[in-house]
Amino acid sequence: KAFVTSSNLRKHEKTHTGEKPYTCHLCGKAFTQSSNLREHERTHTGEKPYICHLCGKAFVQSSCLRKHEKTHTGEKPYTCHLCGKGFVTRSNLRQHERIHTGEKPYKCHLCGKAFLQSCNLREHERTHSGEKPYTCHLCGKDFVQSSYLREHERTHTGEEPYTCHLCGKAFVTSSNLRKHEKTHTGEKPFTCHLCGKGFVIRSSLREHERIHTGEKPYTCHLCGKAFLQNSYLREHERTHTGEKPYKCLLCGKAFVRRSCLKRHEKTHTGEKPYTCHQCGKAFVTSSHLRKHEKTHTGKKPYICHLCGKGFVTRSDLLEHERIHIGEKPYACHLCGKAFVTSSDLRDHEGTHTAEKPYTCLPCGKAFVTNSDLRDHEGTHSNSSE
């Protein structure tokens, strides 16, 4: 491998020797370069010395600032010669080119798994070591990745810095914004080579491919349970800690997942933004709409391999499979009673608190469970007939 400068060559040579002469005096972590040590030390101090003169946003690294500044200009000077796609940085172009070549040059020496990017390898290595070097200065929670820490910090601030220029919808992460933008274009550039299904983002394709392979690479270090997605693991870990980081600003109720908070907030407003184009029925969440749309087709693509029963959604299949194995993964932290589904646990928790979070919009009556609310709403429709 060839390099432009001798310093880059020396840096590269240390990847062969494993030499890491620069050590953090606070946590003992070692680094190949002094510059990497200085950047790491900022994770302890919270220092972000590189500030954008256009918007005031601050960064740990100068390279991150330069990359950010190009978001103001829209400049993408690095172009892929194979497909013509433009990129803000040379490193992003190199990462993209590996999609065409299939190259995964960064390999874990413990398990042999290979990665497109060195940062992905470093994150993966932490699944072996359990290291979580990024700490929230507000609540003390530790994270594997700096991006997870930044996302978490927004649960304290409520910040949604990434806005869609087409519809104005705001997002906590840039990846969620990019995913959303493709809903305007209908673009699904990532295709499964086994079944032909298309996906908006690469991570969704990778998650889908695990359905074919059965791979569950994310394992809980407390109970050993394995998951398809890292996000599922993070949510599961909260069942051990009891953490509910997403808090409603109107009533103070806290939730394990952001999606649960968003759904809850709509109970205050009565908003149901997702409408079925076939029958006009409206829903609080897009997942409920997608599930409903399958009732029009009659399609049940998820089949239980034990009894052959078909289901509209994967989550319905997973819940059904627990009946066969007797698994009840959702336990009440107050009395220890366990449940097959998280919704059953939430309903049960309401019996301890006397909380009635489900409110009928026409008459204002409140209920402990969503199913009780739906039964009650039927009395309004029956009386109007």
Protein backbone atom coordinates (compact mmCIF):
# COMPACT_ATOMS: atom_id res chain seq x y z
CA LYS A 1 0.00 0.00 0.00
CA ALA A 2 1.35 3.47 -0.95
CA PHE A 3 1.05 6.81 0.89
CA VAL A 4 1.39 10.50 0.04
CA THR A 5 3.39 11.35 3.19
CA SER A 6 5.96 9.53 5.31
CA SER A 7 3.89 10.28 8.44
CA ASN A 8 0.92 8.43 6.94
CA LEU A 9 3.21 5.49 6.16
CA ARG A 10 4.50 5.40 9.76
CA LYS A 11 0.94 5.55 11.03
CA HIS A 12 -0.04 2.66 8.75
CA GLU A 13 2.97 0.55 9.80
CA LYS A 14 1.70 0.57 13.39
CA THR A 15 -1.45 -1.27 12.23
CA HIS A 16 0.85 -4.21 11.39
CA THR A 17 2.82 -4.10 14.66
CA GLY A 18 -0.11 -3.32 16.96
CA GLU A 19 2.01 -0.62 18.61
CA LYS A 20 -0.03 1.97 20.58
CA PRO A 21 2.45 4.23 22.39
CA TYR A 22 0.00 6.98 23.45
CA THR A 23 -2.02 6.18 26.60
CA CYS A 24 -4.91 8.08 28.20
CA HIS A 25 -4.05 8.87 31.86
CA LEU A 26 -7.75 8.88 32.80
CA CYS A 27 -8.90 5.47 31.52
CA GLY A 28 -5.74 3.73 30.28
CA LYS A 29 -6.87 3.37 26.66
CA ALA A 30 -3.94 3.34 24.20
CA PHE A 31 -3.66 4.89 20.72
CA THR A 32 -1.44 4.67 17.65
CA GLN A 33 -1.16 8.47 17.28
CA SER A 34 -0.95 11.40 19.68
CA SER A 35 -3.73 13.15 17.70
CA ASN A 36 -6.06 10.21 18.35
CA LEU A 37 -5.24 10.42 22.06
CA ARG A 38 -6.06 14.16 22.11
CA GLU A 39 -9.41 13.51 20.38
CA HIS A 40 -10.17 10.71 22.86
CA GLU A 41 -9.37 12.93 25.86
CA ARG A 42 -12.15 15.26 24.68
CA THR A 43 -14.68 12.46 25.32
CA HIS A 44 -13.72 12.85 29.02
CA THR A 45 -13.73 16.67 29.04
CA GLY A 46 -16.60 17.32 26.60
CA GLU A 47 -14.39 19.83 24.75
CA LYS A 48 -15.42 20.66 21.16
CA PRO A 49 -12.86 23.22 19.95
CA TYR A 50 -13.83 23.36 16.27
CA ILE A 51 -16.78 25.71 15.70
CA CYS A 52 -18.72 26.38 12.47
CA HIS A 53 -18.74 30.14 11.81
CA LEU A 54 -22.06 29.85 9.92
CA CYS A 55 -24.27 28.08 12.48
CA GLY A 56 -22.17 27.85 15.65
CA LYS A 57 -22.20 24.03 15.83
CA ALA A 58 -19.08 22.66 17.57
CA PHE A 59 -17.03 19.54 16.84
CA VAL A 60 -14.40 17.36 18.52
CA GLN A 61 -12.32 17.01 15.31
CA SER A 62 -11.35 19.53 12.63
CA SER A 63 -12.17 16.93 9.96
CA CYS A 64 -15.74 16.75 11.28
CA LEU A 65 -16.01 20.55 11.06
CA ARG A 66 -14.77 20.57 7.45
CA LYS A 67 -17.25 17.85 6.54
CA HIS A 68 -20.06 19.78 8.26
CA GLU A 69 -19.20 23.06 6.47
CA LYS A 70 -19.91 21.36 3.14
CA THR A 71 -23.52 20.76 4.26
CA HIS A 72 -23.98 24.54 4.09
CA THR A 73 -22.61 24.80 0.54
CA GLY A 74 -24.06 21.54 -0.83
CA GLU A 75 -20.61 20.84 -2.30
CA LYS A 76 -19.90 17.19 -3.20
CA PRO A 77 -16.52 17.28 -4.98
CA TYR A 78 -15.78 13.54 -4.92
CA THR A 79 -17.61 11.55 -7.64
CA CYS A 80 -17.84 7.78 -8.11
CA HIS A 81 -16.62 6.92 -11.63
CA LEU A 82 -18.84 3.81 -11.67
CA CYS A 83 -22.26 5.30 -10.86
CA GLY A 84 -21.74 9.08 -10.79
CA LYS A 85 -22.84 9.58 -7.17
CA GLY A 86 -21.20 12.57 -5.44
CA PHE A 87 -19.74 12.73 -1.92
CA VAL A 88 -18.71 15.42 0.55
CA THR A 89 -15.42 13.72 1.55
CA ARG A 90 -12.86 11.47 -0.13
CA SER A 91 -13.27 8.90 2.66
CA ASN A 92 -17.03 8.70 1.97
CA LEU A 93 -16.25 8.08 -1.71
CA ARG A 94 -13.78 5.29 -0.83
CA GLN A 95 -16.36 3.67 1.46
CA HIS A 96 -18.96 3.89 -1.31
CA GLU A 97 -16.62 2.33 -3.91
CA ARG A 98 -16.38 -0.77 -1.69
CA ILE A 99 -20.10 -1.31 -2.31
CA HIS A 100 -19.25 -1.86 -5.98
CA THR A 101 -16.20 -4.06 -5.29
CA GLY A 102 -17.51 -5.94 -2.23
CA GLU A 103 -14.23 -5.18 -0.43
CA LYS A 104 -14.27 -5.39 3.39
CA PRO A 105 -10.67 -4.60 4.38
CA TYR A 106 -11.11 -4.30 8.16
CA LYS A 107 -11.15 -7.70 9.91
CA CYS A 108 -11.77 -8.57 13.56
CA HIS A 109 -8.83 -10.65 14.87
CA LEU A 110 -11.10 -12.31 17.47
CA CYS A 111 -13.94 -13.67 15.30
CA GLY A 112 -12.86 -12.95 11.71
CA LYS A 113 -15.85 -10.74 10.83
CA ALA A 114 -14.93 -8.16 8.15
CA PHE A 115 -16.14 -4.57 7.73
CA LEU A 116 -16.24 -1.82 5.09
CA GLN A 117 -15.01 0.86 7.50
CA SER A 118 -12.41 0.93 10.28
CA CYS A 119 -14.90 2.70 12.58
CA ASN A 120 -17.32 -0.21 12.14
CA LEU A 121 -14.54 -2.62 13.13
CA ARG A 122 -13.74 -0.57 16.25
CA GLU A 123 -17.42 -0.54 17.24
CA HIS A 124 -17.64 -4.29 16.66
CA GLU A 125 -14.53 -4.95 18.79
CA ARG A 126 -16.33 -3.31 21.71
CA THR A 127 -18.99 -6.06 21.54
CA HIS A 128 -16.16 -8.42 22.54
CA SER A 129 -14.65 -6.18 25.22
CA GLY A 130 -17.84 -4.59 26.60
CA GLU A 131 -16.11 -1.19 26.45
CA LYS A 132 -18.40 1.88 26.45
CA PRO A 133 -16.05 4.88 26.29
CA TYR A 134 -18.61 7.64 25.65
CA THR A 135 -20.34 8.97 28.79
CA CYS A 136 -23.31 11.34 29.08
CA HIS A 137 -22.33 14.19 31.43
CA LEU A 138 -26.00 14.74 32.37
CA CYS A 139 -26.99 11.24 33.55
CA GLY A 140 -23.76 9.21 33.48
CA LYS A 141 -24.95 6.60 30.96
CA ASP A 142 -22.16 5.01 28.87
CA PHE A 143 -22.24 4.25 25.13
CA VAL A 144 -20.27 2.16 22.64
CA GLN A 145 -20.32 4.87 19.94
CA SER A 146 -20.07 8.66 20.09
CA SER A 147 -23.07 8.82 17.72
CA TYR A 148 -25.17 6.88 20.26
CA LEU A 149 -24.12 9.40 22.93
CA ARG A 150 -25.11 12.35 20.71
CA GLU A 151 -28.50 10.76 19.99
CA HIS A 152 -28.99 10.07 23.70
CA GLU A 153 -28.11 13.67 24.65
CA ARG A 154 -31.00 14.79 22.45
CA THR A 155 -33.41 12.87 24.72
CA HIS A 156 -32.41 15.41 27.39
CA THR A 157 -32.68 18.44 25.10
CA GLY A 158 -35.48 17.38 22.72
CA GLU A 159 -33.32 18.61 19.82
CA GLU A 160 -34.23 17.40 16.29
CA PRO A 161 -31.56 19.11 14.16
CA TYR A 162 -32.12 17.36 10.82
CA THR A 163 -35.03 18.82 8.79
CA CYS A 164 -36.52 17.59 5.51
CA HIS A 165 -36.49 20.46 3.01
CA LEU A 166 -39.53 18.99 1.21
CA CYS A 167 -42.03 18.64 4.07
CA GLY A 168 -40.35 20.25 7.09
CA LYS A 169 -40.37 17.11 9.24
CA ALA A 170 -37.48 17.07 11.75
CA PHE A 171 -35.33 14.16 12.91
CA VAL A 172 -32.91 13.34 15.71
CA THR A 173 -30.35 11.68 13.37
CA SER A 174 -29.13 12.40 9.84
CA SER A 175 -29.62 8.73 8.93
CA ASN A 176 -33.33 8.97 9.81
CA LEU A 177 -33.58 12.11 7.65
CA ARG A 178 -31.94 10.37 4.68
CA LYS A 179 -34.25 7.40 5.13
CA HIS A 180 -37.27 9.73 5.25
CA GLU A 181 -36.20 11.68 2.14
CA LYS A 182 -36.42 8.47 0.10
CA THR A 183 -40.12 8.19 1.03
CA HIS A 184 -40.64 11.27 -1.17
CA THR A 185 -38.83 9.71 -4.16
CA GLY A 186 -39.88 6.07 -3.67
CA GLU A 187 -36.22 5.12 -4.21
CA LYS A 188 -35.18 1.67 -2.91
CA PRO A 189 -31.60 1.24 -4.14
CA PHE A 190 -30.63 -1.74 -1.96
CA THR A 191 -31.93 -5.12 -3.22
CA CYS A 192 -31.81 -8.53 -1.55
CA HIS A 193 -30.09 -10.98 -3.93
CA LEU A 194 -32.02 -13.89 -2.39
CA CYS A 195 -35.62 -12.68 -2.75
CA GLY A 196 -35.41 -9.44 -4.74
CA LYS A 197 -37.00 -7.21 -2.08
CA GLY A 198 -35.85 -3.58 -2.24
CA PHE A 199 -34.92 -1.32 0.68
CA VAL A 200 -34.52 2.41 1.25
CA ILE A 201 -31.29 2.08 3.27
CA ARG A 202 -28.41 -0.41 3.40
CA SER A 203 -28.90 -1.19 7.10
CA SER A 204 -32.49 -2.30 6.40
CA LEU A 205 -31.17 -4.66 3.71
CA ARG A 206 -28.58 -6.11 6.13
CA GLU A 207 -31.28 -6.63 8.77
CA HIS A 208 -33.51 -8.29 6.17
CA GLU A 209 -30.71 -10.62 5.02
CA ARG A 210 -30.47 -11.94 8.59
CA ILE A 211 -34.02 -13.25 8.18
CA HIS A 212 -32.65 -15.55 5.46
CA THR A 213 -29.52 -16.53 7.43
CA GLY A 214 -30.98 -16.60 10.95
CA GLU A 215 -28.02 -14.52 12.19
CA LYS A 216 -28.54 -12.58 15.44
CA PRO A 217 -25.21 -10.80 16.00
CA TYR A 218 -26.17 -8.57 18.94
CA THR A 219 -26.06 -10.38 22.31
CA CYS A 220 -27.12 -9.13 25.75
CA HIS A 221 -24.16 -9.56 28.13
CA LEU A 222 -26.55 -9.88 31.11
CA CYS A 223 -28.83 -12.72 29.94
CA GLY A 224 -27.33 -13.94 26.65
CA LYS A 225 -30.39 -13.19 24.51
CA ALA A 226 -29.48 -12.41 20.88
CA PHE A 227 -31.05 -9.89 18.48
CA LEU A 228 -31.16 -9.08 14.77
CA GLN A 229 -30.57 -5.36 15.30
CA ASN A 230 -28.43 -3.33 17.67
CA SER A 231 -31.44 -1.10 18.38
CA TYR A 232 -33.41 -4.15 19.57
CA LEU A 233 -30.54 -5.02 21.93
CA ARG A 234 -30.46 -1.47 23.36
CA GLU A 235 -34.22 -1.59 23.97
CA HIS A 236 -33.91 -5.03 25.57
CA GLU A 237 -31.13 -3.87 27.91
CA ARG A 238 -33.60 -1.34 29.33
CA THR A 239 -35.76 -4.25 30.57
CA HIS A 240 -32.82 -5.07 32.88
CA THR A 241 -32.14 -1.48 33.98
CA GLY A 242 -35.71 -0.14 34.02
CA GLU A 243 -34.47 2.93 32.13
CA LYS A 244 -37.13 4.97 30.30
CA PRO A 245 -35.18 7.82 28.66
CA TYR A 246 -37.98 9.31 26.53
CA LYS A 247 -40.21 11.65 28.53
CA CYS A 248 -43.46 13.36 27.50
CA LEU A 249 -43.13 17.13 28.04
CA LEU A 250 -46.90 17.48 28.52
CA CYS A 251 -47.62 14.88 31.22
CA GLY A 252 -44.21 13.58 32.31
CA LYS A 253 -44.81 9.96 31.34
CA ALA A 254 -41.57 8.16 30.38
CA PHE A 255 -40.99 5.49 27.73
CA VAL A 256 -38.39 2.89 26.78
CA ARG A 257 -38.53 3.78 23.06
CA ARG A 258 -38.79 7.08 21.18
CA SER A 259 -41.49 5.57 18.95
CA CYS A 260 -43.63 4.87 22.05
CA LEU A 261 -43.23 8.50 23.14
CA LYS A 262 -44.23 9.77 19.68
CA ARG A 263 -47.28 7.49 19.70
CA HIS A 264 -48.20 8.64 23.22
CA GLU A 265 -47.90 12.34 22.29
CA LYS A 266 -50.60 11.82 19.67
CA THR A 267 -53.02 10.76 22.45
CA HIS A 268 -52.80 14.38 23.65
CA THR A 269 -53.47 15.83 20.18
CA GLY A 270 -55.76 13.14 18.72
CA GLU A 271 -53.57 13.18 15.60
CA LYS A 272 -53.81 10.18 13.26
CA PRO A 273 -51.62 11.16 10.29
CA TYR A 274 -51.50 7.78 8.50
CA THR A 275 -54.56 7.11 6.32
CA CYS A 276 -55.45 3.97 4.36
CA HIS A 277 -56.06 4.93 0.72
CA GLN A 278 -58.42 1.98 0.27
CA CYS A 279 -60.92 2.55 3.09
CA GLY A 280 -59.95 5.91 4.61
CA LYS A 281 -59.27 4.57 8.11
CA ALA A 282 -56.65 6.64 9.95
CA PHE A 283 -53.90 5.47 12.30
CA VAL A 284 -51.54 6.95 14.88
CA THR A 285 -48.45 5.11 13.51
CA SER A 286 -47.22 4.06 10.06
CA SER A 287 -46.66 0.51 11.35
CA HIS A 288 -50.35 0.24 12.30
CA LEU A 289 -51.30 1.48 8.83
CA ARG A 290 -49.02 -1.08 7.13
CA LYS A 291 -50.47 -3.84 9.28
CA HIS A 292 -54.00 -2.69 8.45
CA GLU A 293 -53.29 -2.53 4.69
CA LYS A 294 -52.48 -6.24 4.73
CA THR A 295 -56.05 -6.95 5.89
CA HIS A 296 -57.20 -5.75 2.46
CA THR A 297 -54.90 -8.18 0.63
CA GLY A 298 -55.44 -11.13 2.97
CA LYS A 299 -51.73 -11.85 2.65
CA LYS A 300 -50.04 -13.49 5.66
CA PRO A 301 -46.39 -13.82 4.65
CA TYR A 302 -44.97 -14.82 8.06
CA ILE A 303 -45.45 -18.57 8.70
CA CYS A 304 -44.86 -20.43 11.98
CA HIS A 305 -42.52 -23.36 11.23
CA LEU A 306 -43.98 -25.32 14.17
CA CYS A 307 -47.71 -25.26 13.33
CA GLY A 308 -47.96 -23.60 9.90
CA LYS A 309 -50.15 -20.68 11.03
CA GLY A 310 -49.71 -17.50 8.98
CA PHE A 311 -49.43 -13.93 10.27
CA VAL A 312 -49.71 -10.43 8.81
CA THR A 313 -46.58 -9.08 10.56
CA ARG A 314 -43.28 -10.48 11.80
CA SER A 315 -44.01 -9.20 15.31
CA ASP A 316 -47.28 -11.17 15.36
CA LEU A 317 -45.33 -14.30 14.36
CA LEU A 318 -42.70 -13.73 17.08
CA GLU A 319 -45.43 -13.29 19.70
CA HIS A 320 -47.13 -16.49 18.49
CA GLU A 321 -43.87 -18.49 18.63
CA ARG A 322 -43.59 -17.62 22.33
CA ILE A 323 -46.79 -19.61 22.91
CA HIS A 324 -44.98 -22.73 21.64
CA ILE A 325 -41.85 -22.22 23.73
CA GLY A 326 -43.51 -20.64 26.77
CA GLU A 327 -41.27 -17.57 26.65
CA LYS A 328 -42.47 -14.47 28.51
CA PRO A 329 -39.67 -11.92 28.09
CA TYR A 330 -41.45 -8.87 29.49
CA ALA A 331 -41.43 -8.82 33.32
CA CYS A 332 -43.07 -6.30 35.64
CA HIS A 333 -40.39 -4.67 37.82
CA LEU A 334 -42.95 -4.16 40.62
CA CYS A 335 -44.37 -7.68 41.06
CA GLY A 336 -42.29 -9.90 38.76
CA LYS A 337 -45.23 -11.10 36.65
CA ALA A 338 -44.08 -11.93 33.10
CA PHE A 339 -45.85 -11.41 29.76
CA VAL A 340 -45.57 -12.56 26.16
CA THR A 341 -45.81 -9.03 24.70
CA SER A 342 -44.59 -5.59 25.77
CA SER A 343 -48.13 -4.23 25.26
CA ASP A 344 -49.51 -6.77 27.77
CA LEU A 345 -46.83 -5.63 30.24
CA ARG A 346 -47.76 -1.96 29.73
CA ASP A 347 -51.43 -2.76 30.30
CA HIS A 348 -50.53 -4.69 33.46
CA GLU A 349 -48.35 -1.85 34.80
CA GLY A 350 -51.42 0.38 34.63
CA THR A 351 -53.10 -1.85 37.25
CA HIS A 352 -50.36 -0.88 39.74
CA THR A 353 -50.55 2.85 39.07
CA ALA A 354 -54.30 3.16 38.31
CA GLU A 355 -53.08 5.11 35.28
CA LYS A 356 -55.52 5.28 32.36
CA PRO A 357 -53.48 6.52 29.39
CA TYR A 358 -55.99 5.66 26.63
CA THR A 359 -58.63 8.38 26.26
CA CYS A 360 -61.78 8.36 24.11
CA LEU A 361 -61.78 11.56 22.03
CA PRO A 362 -65.60 11.83 21.63
CA CYS A 363 -66.48 11.56 25.34
CA GLY A 364 -63.22 11.87 27.30
CA LYS A 365 -63.53 8.56 29.17
CA ALA A 366 -60.13 6.99 30.00
CA PHE A 367 -59.03 3.35 30.03
CA VAL A 368 -56.15 1.24 31.36
CA THR A 369 -55.64 -0.68 28.08
CA ASN A 370 -55.88 0.17 24.40
CA SER A 371 -58.13 -2.86 23.83
CA ASP A 372 -60.59 -1.53 26.45
CA LEU A 373 -60.61 1.80 24.62
CA ARG A 374 -61.31 0.10 21.26
CA ASP A 375 -64.18 -1.88 22.81
CA HIS A 376 -65.60 1.34 24.24
CA GLU A 377 -65.26 3.22 20.92
CA GLY A 378 -67.48 0.55 19.40
CA THR A 379 -70.33 1.69 21.67
CA HIS A 380 -70.18 5.11 20.01
CA SER A 381 -70.31 3.66 16.49
CA ASN A 382 -73.14 1.27 17.47
CA SER A 383 -75.21 4.04 19.04
CA SER A 384 -74.83 6.18 15.92
CA GLU A 385 -76.18 3.47 13.60
